[in-house]
Amino acid sequence: MPITVNLDVVMARRRVGVGELAERVGITPANLSILKNDKARAIRFSTLEALCRELGCQPGDLLSYDEEETNDEH
C-alpha cells in the first residue's frame, strides 16, 4: 500500500510507549499496535486528531505517501 504509517518513529522520538499513548488517546493498546505496525486499513479522523494532539505533531508526520509503490503495483 502506498500509504505508510510512521507512528512508531514519532513515538520513539517522543519516548512514549504503546500503553501510555493508547490510554491518552482513548483506544486499546492492541488497536494502537495495529496502527503502529502499519497493519491498519483505515483510521478515524478523531483518532488521528487525538494522536496529533498527544504527540504534538501534524498528520503528515504520522502518514506518508509513496507514489513509486503505487506504480510498482500496476
PDB file of N, CA and C in Angstrom:
ATOM      1  N   MET A   1       0.856  -1.182   0.000  1.00  0.00           N
ATOM      2  CA  MET A   1       0.000   0.000   0.000  1.00  0.00           C
ATOM      3  C   MET A   1       0.895   1.237   0.000  1.00  0.00           C
ATOM      4  N   PRO A   2       0.568   2.238  -0.773  1.00  0.00           N
ATOM      5  CA  PRO A   2       1.433   3.414  -0.878  1.00  0.00           C
ATOM      6  C   PRO A   2       1.383   4.355   0.325  1.00  0.00           C
ATOM      7  N   ILE A   3       0.445   4.151   1.252  1.00  0.00           N
ATOM      8  CA  ILE A   3       0.386   4.957   2.468  1.00  0.00           C
ATOM      9  C   ILE A   3       1.146   4.216   3.569  1.00  0.00           C
ATOM     10  N   THR A   4       2.093   4.897   4.179  1.00  0.00           N
ATOM     11  CA  THR A   4       2.882   4.307   5.263  1.00  0.00           C
ATOM     12  C   THR A   4       2.614   5.063   6.550  1.00  0.00           C
ATOM     13  N   VAL A   5       2.444   4.320   7.628  1.00  0.00           N
ATOM     14  CA  VAL A   5       2.227   4.917   8.949  1.00  0.00           C
ATOM     15  C   VAL A   5       3.576   5.002   9.654  1.00  0.00           C
ATOM     16  N   ASN A   6       3.949   6.207  10.050  1.00  0.00           N
ATOM     17  CA  ASN A   6       5.228   6.450  10.713  1.00  0.00           C
ATOM     18  C   ASN A   6       5.056   6.671  12.217  1.00  0.00           C
ATOM     19  N   LEU A   7       3.996   6.141  12.773  1.00  0.00           N
ATOM     20  CA  LEU A   7       3.692   6.336  14.189  1.00  0.00           C
ATOM     21  C   LEU A   7       4.816   5.824  15.078  1.00  0.00           C
ATOM     22  N   ASP A   8       5.415   4.696  14.725  1.00  0.00           N
ATOM     23  CA  ASP A   8       6.485   4.143  15.556  1.00  0.00           C
ATOM     24  C   ASP A   8       7.668   5.103  15.654  1.00  0.00           C
ATOM     25  N   VAL A   9       7.981   5.798  14.570  1.00  0.00           N
ATOM     26  CA  VAL A   9       9.085   6.757  14.563  1.00  0.00           C
ATOM     27  C   VAL A   9       8.765   7.943  15.474  1.00  0.00           C
ATOM     28  N   VAL A  10       7.552   8.472  15.339  1.00  0.00           N
ATOM     29  CA  VAL A  10       7.152   9.629  16.148  1.00  0.00           C
ATOM     30  C   VAL A  10       7.097   9.244  17.623  1.00  0.00           C
ATOM     31  N   MET A  11       6.579   8.066  17.919  1.00  0.00           N
ATOM     32  CA  MET A  11       6.523   7.612  19.306  1.00  0.00           C
ATOM     33  C   MET A  11       7.926   7.470  19.894  1.00  0.00           C
ATOM     34  N   ALA A  12       8.852   6.936  19.125  1.00  0.00           N
ATOM     35  CA  ALA A  12      10.225   6.773  19.610  1.00  0.00           C
ATOM     36  C   ALA A  12      10.864   8.133  19.892  1.00  0.00           C
ATOM     37  N   ARG A  13      10.642   9.088  19.001  1.00  0.00           N
ATOM     38  CA  ARG A  13      11.198  10.432  19.203  1.00  0.00           C
ATOM     39  C   ARG A  13      10.627  11.087  20.454  1.00  0.00           C
ATOM     40  N   ARG A  14       9.364  10.808  20.748  1.00  0.00           N
ATOM     41  CA  ARG A  14       8.703  11.400  21.914  1.00  0.00           C
ATOM     42  C   ARG A  14       8.896  10.559  23.166  1.00  0.00           C
ATOM     43  N   ARG A  15       9.502   9.392  22.988  1.00  0.00           N
ATOM     44  CA  ARG A  15       9.738   8.453  24.087  1.00  0.00           C
ATOM     45  C   ARG A  15       8.448   8.104  24.823  1.00  0.00           C
ATOM     46  N   VAL A  16       7.457   7.695  24.060  1.00  0.00           N
ATOM     47  CA  VAL A  16       6.167   7.302  24.632  1.00  0.00           C
ATOM     48  C   VAL A  16       5.871   5.868  24.197  1.00  0.00           C
ATOM     49  N   GLY A  17       5.360   5.080  25.143  1.00  0.00           N
ATOM     50  CA  GLY A  17       5.047   3.680  24.873  1.00  0.00           C
ATOM     51  C   GLY A  17       3.628   3.484  24.385  1.00  0.00           C
ATOM     52  N   VAL A  18       3.360   2.301  23.879  1.00  0.00           N
ATOM     53  CA  VAL A  18       2.042   1.968  23.335  1.00  0.00           C
ATOM     54  C   VAL A  18       0.960   2.088  24.399  1.00  0.00           C
ATOM     55  N   GLY A  19       1.193   1.514  25.570  1.00  0.00           N
ATOM     56  CA  GLY A  19       0.175   1.542  26.628  1.00  0.00           C
ATOM     57  C   GLY A  19      -0.174   2.945  27.064  1.00  0.00           C
ATOM     58  N   GLU A  20       0.845   3.762  27.271  1.00  0.00           N
ATOM     59  CA  GLU A  20       0.619   5.149  27.699  1.00  0.00           C
ATOM     60  C   GLU A  20      -0.128   5.949  26.638  1.00  0.00           C
ATOM     61  N   LEU A  21       0.321   5.834  25.393  1.00  0.00           N
ATOM     62  CA  LEU A  21      -0.317   6.604  24.324  1.00  0.00           C
ATOM     63  C   LEU A  21      -1.740   6.129  24.078  1.00  0.00           C
ATOM     64  N   ALA A  22      -1.958   4.825  24.110  1.00  0.00           N
ATOM     65  CA  ALA A  22      -3.301   4.284  23.912  1.00  0.00           C
ATOM     66  C   ALA A  22      -4.267   4.844  24.949  1.00  0.00           C
ATOM     67  N   GLU A  23      -3.827   4.892  26.193  1.00  0.00           N
ATOM     68  CA  GLU A  23      -4.675   5.428  27.265  1.00  0.00           C
ATOM     69  C   GLU A  23      -4.967   6.903  27.039  1.00  0.00           C
ATOM     70  N   ARG A  24      -3.954   7.671  26.666  1.00  0.00           N
ATOM     71  CA  ARG A  24      -4.136   9.106  26.448  1.00  0.00           C
ATOM     72  C   ARG A  24      -5.037   9.399  25.254  1.00  0.00           C
ATOM     73  N   VAL A  25      -4.987   8.525  24.237  1.00  0.00           N
ATOM     74  CA  VAL A  25      -5.779   8.724  23.016  1.00  0.00           C
ATOM     75  C   VAL A  25      -7.190   8.147  23.165  1.00  0.00           C
ATOM     76  N   GLY A  26      -7.327   7.119  23.999  1.00  0.00           N
ATOM     77  CA  GLY A  26      -8.637   6.512  24.204  1.00  0.00           C
ATOM     78  C   GLY A  26      -8.918   5.347  23.271  1.00  0.00           C
ATOM     79  N   ILE A  27      -7.878   4.595  22.898  1.00  0.00           N
ATOM     80  CA  ILE A  27      -8.053   3.376  22.113  1.00  0.00           C
ATOM     81  C   ILE A  27      -7.309   2.252  22.816  1.00  0.00           C
ATOM     82  N   THR A  28      -7.561   1.024  22.398  1.00  0.00           N
ATOM     83  CA  THR A  28      -6.902  -0.102  23.047  1.00  0.00           C
ATOM     84  C   THR A  28      -5.440  -0.191  22.597  1.00  0.00           C
ATOM     85  N   PRO A  29      -4.580  -0.707  23.456  1.00  0.00           N
ATOM     86  CA  PRO A  29      -3.193  -0.913  23.042  1.00  0.00           C
ATOM     87  C   PRO A  29      -3.085  -1.819  21.807  1.00  0.00           C
ATOM     88  N   ALA A  30      -3.968  -2.800  21.692  1.00  0.00           N
ATOM     89  CA  ALA A  30      -3.949  -3.691  20.521  1.00  0.00           C
ATOM     90  C   ALA A  30      -4.225  -2.916  19.236  1.00  0.00           C
ATOM     91  N   ASN A  31      -5.221  -2.024  19.264  1.00  0.00           N
ATOM     92  CA  ASN A  31      -5.530  -1.236  18.073  1.00  0.00           C
ATOM     93  C   ASN A  31      -4.410  -0.249  17.752  1.00  0.00           C
ATOM     94  N   LEU A  32      -3.797   0.316  18.773  1.00  0.00           N
ATOM     95  CA  LEU A  32      -2.682   1.219  18.533  1.00  0.00           C
ATOM     96  C   LEU A  32      -1.499   0.451  17.937  1.00  0.00           C
ATOM     97  N   SER A  33      -1.266  -0.768  18.386  1.00  0.00           N
ATOM     98  CA  SER A  33      -0.192  -1.594  17.831  1.00  0.00           C
ATOM     99  C   SER A  33      -0.442  -1.918  16.367  1.00  0.00           C
ATOM    100  N   ILE A  34      -1.681  -2.203  16.015  1.00  0.00           N
ATOM    101  CA  ILE A  34      -2.029  -2.466  14.614  1.00  0.00           C
ATOM    102  C   ILE A  34      -1.698  -1.250  13.765  1.00  0.00           C
ATOM    103  N   LEU A  35      -2.048  -0.081  14.261  1.00  0.00           N
ATOM    104  CA  LEU A  35      -1.748   1.161  13.537  1.00  0.00           C
ATOM    105  C   LEU A  35      -0.236   1.401  13.482  1.00  0.00           C
ATOM    106  N   LYS A  36       0.432   1.231  14.605  1.00  0.00           N
ATOM    107  CA  LYS A  36       1.861   1.479  14.702  1.00  0.00           C
ATOM    108  C   LYS A  36       2.662   0.558  13.791  1.00  0.00           C
ATOM    109  N   ASN A  37       2.215  -0.667  13.638  1.00  0.00           N
ATOM    110  CA  ASN A  37       2.934  -1.647  12.830  1.00  0.00           C
ATOM    111  C   ASN A  37       2.492  -1.637  11.367  1.00  0.00           C
ATOM    112  N   ASP A  38       1.787  -0.593  10.962  1.00  0.00           N
ATOM    113  CA  ASP A  38       1.395  -0.377   9.569  1.00  0.00           C
ATOM    114  C   ASP A  38       0.500  -1.498   9.039  1.00  0.00           C
ATOM    115  N   LYS A  39      -0.369  -2.038   9.913  1.00  0.00           N
ATOM    116  CA  LYS A  39      -1.287  -3.115   9.522  1.00  0.00           C
ATOM    117  C   LYS A  39      -2.725  -2.619   9.395  1.00  0.00           C
ATOM    118  N   ALA A  40      -2.986  -1.372   9.750  1.00  0.00           N
ATOM    119  CA  ALA A  40      -4.353  -0.833   9.720  1.00  0.00           C
ATOM    120  C   ALA A  40      -4.784  -0.566   8.287  1.00  0.00           C
ATOM    121  N   ARG A  41      -6.060  -0.768   8.023  1.00  0.00           N
ATOM    122  CA  ARG A  41      -6.632  -0.486   6.712  1.00  0.00           C
ATOM    123  C   ARG A  41      -7.322   0.878   6.695  1.00  0.00           C
ATOM    124  N   ALA A  42      -7.580   1.442   7.880  1.00  0.00           N
ATOM    125  CA  ALA A  42      -8.271   2.733   7.979  1.00  0.00           C
ATOM    126  C   ALA A  42      -7.970   3.341   9.340  1.00  0.00           C
ATOM    127  N   ILE A  43      -8.189   4.652   9.439  1.00  0.00           N
ATOM    128  CA  ILE A  43      -8.062   5.351  10.713  1.00  0.00           C
ATOM    129  C   ILE A  43      -9.138   6.429  10.759  1.00  0.00           C
ATOM    130  N   ARG A  44      -9.786   6.548  11.889  1.00  0.00           N
ATOM    131  CA  ARG A  44     -10.791   7.602  12.069  1.00  0.00           C
ATOM    132  C   ARG A  44     -10.086   8.937  12.245  1.00  0.00           C
ATOM    133  N   PHE A  45     -10.696   9.981  11.705  1.00  0.00           N
ATOM    134  CA  PHE A  45     -10.133  11.319  11.878  1.00  0.00           C
ATOM    135  C   PHE A  45     -10.045  11.680  13.354  1.00  0.00           C
ATOM    136  N   SER A  46     -11.004  11.243  14.160  1.00  0.00           N
ATOM    137  CA  SER A  46     -10.956  11.561  15.590  1.00  0.00           C
ATOM    138  C   SER A  46      -9.734  10.905  16.248  1.00  0.00           C
ATOM    139  N   THR A  47      -9.374   9.707  15.810  1.00  0.00           N
ATOM    140  CA  THR A  47      -8.182   9.040  16.335  1.00  0.00           C
ATOM    141  C   THR A  47      -6.929   9.753  15.854  1.00  0.00           C
ATOM    142  N   LEU A  48      -6.894  10.126  14.579  1.00  0.00           N
ATOM    143  CA  LEU A  48      -5.757  10.856  14.031  1.00  0.00           C
ATOM    144  C   LEU A  48      -5.584  12.188  14.751  1.00  0.00           C
ATOM    145  N   GLU A  49      -6.689  12.866  15.004  1.00  0.00           N
ATOM    146  CA  GLU A  49      -6.641  14.135  15.735  1.00  0.00           C
ATOM    147  C   GLU A  49      -6.082  13.936  17.138  1.00  0.00           C
ATOM    148  N   ALA A  50      -6.545  12.902  17.832  1.00  0.00           N
ATOM    149  CA  ALA A  50      -6.079  12.637  19.197  1.00  0.00           C
ATOM    150  C   ALA A  50      -4.591  12.277  19.208  1.00  0.00           C
ATOM    151  N   LEU A  51      -4.145  11.494  18.243  1.00  0.00           N
ATOM    152  CA  LEU A  51      -2.723  11.156  18.155  1.00  0.00           C
ATOM    153  C   LEU A  51      -1.883  12.413  17.939  1.00  0.00           C
ATOM    154  N   CYS A  52      -2.322  13.270  17.028  1.00  0.00           N
ATOM    155  CA  CYS A  52      -1.583  14.511  16.762  1.00  0.00           C
ATOM    156  C   CYS A  52      -1.544  15.406  17.997  1.00  0.00           C
ATOM    157  N   ARG A  53      -2.659  15.483  18.704  1.00  0.00           N
ATOM    158  CA  ARG A  53      -2.724  16.304  19.915  1.00  0.00           C
ATOM    159  C   ARG A  53      -1.761  15.774  20.969  1.00  0.00           C
ATOM    160  N   GLU A  54      -1.796  14.480  21.210  1.00  0.00           N
ATOM    161  CA  GLU A  54      -0.980  13.889  22.271  1.00  0.00           C
ATOM    162  C   GLU A  54       0.503  13.826  21.922  1.00  0.00           C
ATOM    163  N   LEU A  55       0.821  13.717  20.623  1.00  0.00           N
ATOM    164  CA  LEU A  55       2.219  13.630  20.212  1.00  0.00           C
ATOM    165  C   LEU A  55       2.786  14.974  19.776  1.00  0.00           C
ATOM    166  N   GLY A  56       1.929  16.001  19.719  1.00  0.00           N
ATOM    167  CA  GLY A  56       2.387  17.322  19.312  1.00  0.00           C
ATOM    168  C   GLY A  56       2.920  17.328  17.891  1.00  0.00           C
ATOM    169  N   CYS A  57       2.168  16.722  16.972  1.00  0.00           N
ATOM    170  CA  CYS A  57       2.630  16.620  15.598  1.00  0.00           C
ATOM    171  C   CYS A  57       1.493  16.913  14.623  1.00  0.00           C
ATOM    172  N   GLN A  58       1.790  16.839  13.352  1.00  0.00           N
ATOM    173  CA  GLN A  58       0.823  17.034  12.282  1.00  0.00           C
ATOM    174  C   GLN A  58       0.516  15.674  11.638  1.00  0.00           C
ATOM    175  N   PRO A  59      -0.654  15.535  10.976  1.00  0.00           N
ATOM    176  CA  PRO A  59      -0.974  14.268  10.312  1.00  0.00           C
ATOM    177  C   PRO A  59       0.126  13.807   9.352  1.00  0.00           C
ATOM    178  N   GLY A  60       0.764  14.743   8.669  1.00  0.00           N
ATOM    179  CA  GLY A  60       1.838  14.399   7.747  1.00  0.00           C
ATOM    180  C   GLY A  60       3.067  13.823   8.432  1.00  0.00           C
ATOM    181  N   ASP A  61       3.191  14.043   9.736  1.00  0.00           N
ATOM    182  CA  ASP A  61       4.287  13.423  10.485  1.00  0.00           C
ATOM    183  C   ASP A  61       4.016  11.937  10.708  1.00  0.00           C
ATOM    184  N   LEU A  62       2.734  11.578  10.743  1.00  0.00           N
ATOM    185  CA  LEU A  62       2.332  10.202  11.025  1.00  0.00           C
ATOM    186  C   LEU A  62       2.105   9.368   9.774  1.00  0.00           C
ATOM    187  N   LEU A  63       1.744  10.028   8.673  1.00  0.00           N
ATOM    188  CA  LEU A  63       1.410   9.321   7.438  1.00  0.00           C
ATOM    189  C   LEU A  63       2.259   9.838   6.287  1.00  0.00           C
ATOM    190  N   SER A  64       2.682   8.938   5.418  1.00  0.00           N
ATOM    191  CA  SER A  64       3.407   9.361   4.220  1.00  0.00           C
ATOM    192  C   SER A  64       2.873   8.588   3.023  1.00  0.00           C
ATOM    193  N   TYR A  65       3.056   9.166   1.854  1.00  0.00           N
ATOM    194  CA  TYR A  65       2.585   8.586   0.604  1.00  0.00           C
ATOM    195  C   TYR A  65       3.775   8.321  -0.296  1.00  0.00           C
ATOM    196  N   ASP A  66       3.898   7.101  -0.780  1.00  0.00           N
ATOM    197  CA  ASP A  66       4.992   6.726  -1.658  1.00  0.00           C
ATOM    198  C   ASP A  66       4.425   6.409  -3.040  1.00  0.00           C
ATOM    199  N   GLU A  67       4.534   7.370  -3.951  1.00  0.00           N
ATOM    200  CA  GLU A  67       3.975   7.214  -5.292  1.00  0.00           C
ATOM    201  C   GLU A  67       4.628   6.067  -6.048  1.00  0.00           C
ATOM    202  N   GLU A  68       5.898   5.828  -5.832  1.00  0.00           N
ATOM    203  CA  GLU A  68       6.587   4.744  -6.523  1.00  0.00           C
ATOM    204  C   GLU A  68       5.991   3.391  -6.182  1.00  0.00           C
ATOM    205  N   GLU A  69       5.554   3.225  -4.947  1.00  0.00           N
ATOM    206  CA  GLU A  69       4.946   1.966  -4.554  1.00  0.00           C
ATOM    207  C   GLU A  69       3.657   1.732  -5.317  1.00  0.00           C
ATOM    208  N   THR A  70       2.903   2.795  -5.596  1.00  0.00           N
ATOM    209  CA  THR A  70       1.671   2.696  -6.378  1.00  0.00           C
ATOM    210  C   THR A  70       1.997   2.253  -7.791  1.00  0.00           C
ATOM    211  N   ASN A  71       3.035   2.830  -8.384  1.00  0.00           N
ATOM    212  CA  ASN A  71       3.420   2.489  -9.752  1.00  0.00           C
ATOM    213  C   ASN A  71       3.901   1.049  -9.874  1.00  0.00           C
ATOM    214  N   ASP A  72       4.517   0.525  -8.821  1.00  0.00           N
ATOM    215  CA  ASP A  72       5.007  -0.853  -8.846  1.00  0.00           C
ATOM    216  C   ASP A  72       3.864  -1.869  -8.879  1.00  0.00           C
ATOM    217  N   GLU A  73       2.692  -1.487  -8.383  1.00  0.00           N
ATOM    218  CA  GLU A  73       1.554  -2.399  -8.322  1.00  0.00           C
ATOM    219  C   GLU A  73       0.868  -2.554  -9.664  1.00  0.00           C
ATOM    220  N   HIS A  74       1.110  -1.658 -10.618  1.00  0.00           N
ATOM    221  CA  HIS A  74       0.416  -1.705 -11.919  1.00  0.00           C
ATOM    222  C   HIS A  74       1.172  -2.493 -12.933  1.00  0.00           C
TER     223      HIS A  74
END
